[in-house]
Amino acid sequence: MFPFLLFTRFGALLMVVAIVGIVFWFRGREKELQFHQDMRIREMEHVRKMKELELELEKERNRKAAEKPA
């Protein structure tokens, strides 16, 4: 039955639809993977900035604690 579909107009149309569907799925998957990679990079940058701010806050607390008894 499958070879018969290849030689009919319906079979040709079905093949075209399948190929276009596969191409669109592949492109969508590629975009999704790129989006996830970008989000991971942004998350890593955010964590780094939060650590830097936490260190600055700790330094400021230590500086104020050192000034207070004086």
C-alpha atoms as a PDB file:
ATOM      1  CA  MET A   1       0.000   0.000   0.000  1.00  0.00           C
ATOM      2  CA  PHE A   2       2.808   2.429   0.811  1.00  0.00           C
ATOM      3  CA  PRO A   3       4.428   2.337  -2.683  1.00  0.00           C
ATOM      4  CA  PHE A   4       1.040   2.991  -4.223  1.00  0.00           C
ATOM      5  CA  LEU A   5       0.743   6.269  -2.259  1.00  0.00           C
ATOM      6  CA  LEU A   6       4.030   7.483  -3.693  1.00  0.00           C
ATOM      7  CA  PHE A   7       2.671   7.463  -7.232  1.00  0.00           C
ATOM      8  CA  THR A   8      -0.622   9.213  -6.648  1.00  0.00           C
ATOM      9  CA  ARG A   9      -1.290  12.903  -6.373  1.00  0.00           C
ATOM     10  CA  PHE A  10      -2.469  12.398  -2.832  1.00  0.00           C
ATOM     11  CA  GLY A  11       0.767  10.598  -2.023  1.00  0.00           C
ATOM     12  CA  ALA A  12       2.837  13.411  -3.498  1.00  0.00           C
ATOM     13  CA  LEU A  13       0.863  15.997  -1.557  1.00  0.00           C
ATOM     14  CA  LEU A  14       1.235  13.943   1.601  1.00  0.00           C
ATOM     15  CA  MET A  15       5.011  13.747   1.117  1.00  0.00           C
ATOM     16  CA  VAL A  16       5.269  17.509   0.618  1.00  0.00           C
ATOM     17  CA  VAL A  17       3.214  18.159   3.743  1.00  0.00           C
ATOM     18  CA  ALA A  18       5.347  15.711   5.718  1.00  0.00           C
ATOM     19  CA  ILE A  19       8.613  17.281   4.538  1.00  0.00           C
ATOM     20  CA  VAL A  20       7.403  20.807   5.295  1.00  0.00           C
ATOM     21  CA  GLY A  21       6.186  19.663   8.702  1.00  0.00           C
ATOM     22  CA  ILE A  22       9.539  18.080   9.524  1.00  0.00           C
ATOM     23  CA  VAL A  23      11.420  21.208   8.442  1.00  0.00           C
ATOM     24  CA  PHE A  24       9.207  23.476  10.536  1.00  0.00           C
ATOM     25  CA  TRP A  25       9.522  21.144  13.527  1.00  0.00           C
ATOM     26  CA  PHE A  26      13.315  21.124  13.169  1.00  0.00           C
ATOM     27  CA  ARG A  27      13.479  24.933  12.968  1.00  0.00           C
ATOM     28  CA  GLY A  28      11.163  25.315  15.955  1.00  0.00           C
ATOM     29  CA  ARG A  29      13.237  22.878  17.989  1.00  0.00           C
ATOM     30  CA  GLU A  30      16.405  24.762  17.050  1.00  0.00           C
ATOM     31  CA  LYS A  31      14.866  28.058  18.209  1.00  0.00           C
ATOM     32  CA  GLU A  32      13.682  26.439  21.436  1.00  0.00           C
ATOM     33  CA  LEU A  33      17.167  25.123  22.203  1.00  0.00           C
ATOM     34  CA  GLN A  34      18.679  28.555  21.491  1.00  0.00           C
ATOM     35  CA  PHE A  35      16.113  30.180  23.801  1.00  0.00           C
ATOM     36  CA  HIS A  36      16.951  27.747  26.610  1.00  0.00           C
ATOM     37  CA  GLN A  37      20.663  28.391  26.134  1.00  0.00           C
ATOM     38  CA  ASP A  38      20.107  32.163  26.293  1.00  0.00           C
ATOM     39  CA  MET A  39      17.995  31.790  29.434  1.00  0.00           C
ATOM     40  CA  ARG A  40      20.706  29.665  31.059  1.00  0.00           C
ATOM     41  CA  ILE A  41      23.321  32.336  30.275  1.00  0.00           C
ATOM     42  CA  ARG A  42      21.079  35.065  31.698  1.00  0.00           C
ATOM     43  CA  GLU A  43      20.468  32.989  34.821  1.00  0.00           C
ATOM     44  CA  MET A  44      24.209  32.498  35.334  1.00  0.00           C
ATOM     45  CA  GLU A  45      24.827  36.243  34.907  1.00  0.00           C
ATOM     46  CA  HIS A  46      22.058  36.999  37.394  1.00  0.00           C
ATOM     47  CA  VAL A  47      23.511  34.614  39.978  1.00  0.00           C
ATOM     48  CA  ARG A  48      26.952  36.193  39.522  1.00  0.00           C
ATOM     49  CA  LYS A  49      25.540  39.707  40.006  1.00  0.00           C
ATOM     50  CA  MET A  50      23.621  38.620  43.098  1.00  0.00           C
ATOM     51  CA  LYS A  51      26.804  37.157  44.608  1.00  0.00           C
ATOM     52  CA  GLU A  52      28.667  40.402  43.869  1.00  0.00           C
ATOM     53  CA  LEU A  53      25.915  42.443  45.521  1.00  0.00           C
ATOM     54  CA  GLU A  54      25.899  40.117  48.506  1.00  0.00           C
ATOM     55  CA  LEU A  55      29.665  40.569  48.897  1.00  0.00           C
ATOM     56  CA  GLU A  56      29.335  44.355  48.667  1.00  0.00           C
ATOM     57  CA  LEU A  57      26.564  44.301  51.272  1.00  0.00           C
ATOM     58  CA  GLU A  58      28.675  42.175  53.599  1.00  0.00           C
ATOM     59  CA  LYS A  59      31.636  44.551  53.173  1.00  0.00           C
ATOM     60  CA  GLU A  60      29.402  47.517  53.971  1.00  0.00           C
ATOM     61  CA  ARG A  61      28.051  45.794  57.090  1.00  0.00           C
ATOM     62  CA  ASN A  62      31.584  44.997  58.252  1.00  0.00           C
ATOM     63  CA  ARG A  63      32.691  48.590  57.627  1.00  0.00           C
ATOM     64  CA  LYS A  64      29.746  50.000  59.578  1.00  0.00           C
ATOM     65  CA  ALA A  65      30.321  47.491  62.397  1.00  0.00           C
ATOM     66  CA  ALA A  66      33.964  48.595  62.594  1.00  0.00           C
ATOM     67  CA  GLU A  67      32.988  52.303  62.702  1.00  0.00           C
ATOM     68  CA  LYS A  68      30.210  51.912  65.275  1.00  0.00           C
ATOM     69  CA  PRO A  69      32.268  51.194  68.445  1.00  0.00           C
ATOM     70  CA  ALA A  70      34.591  54.108  67.766  1.00  0.00           C
END
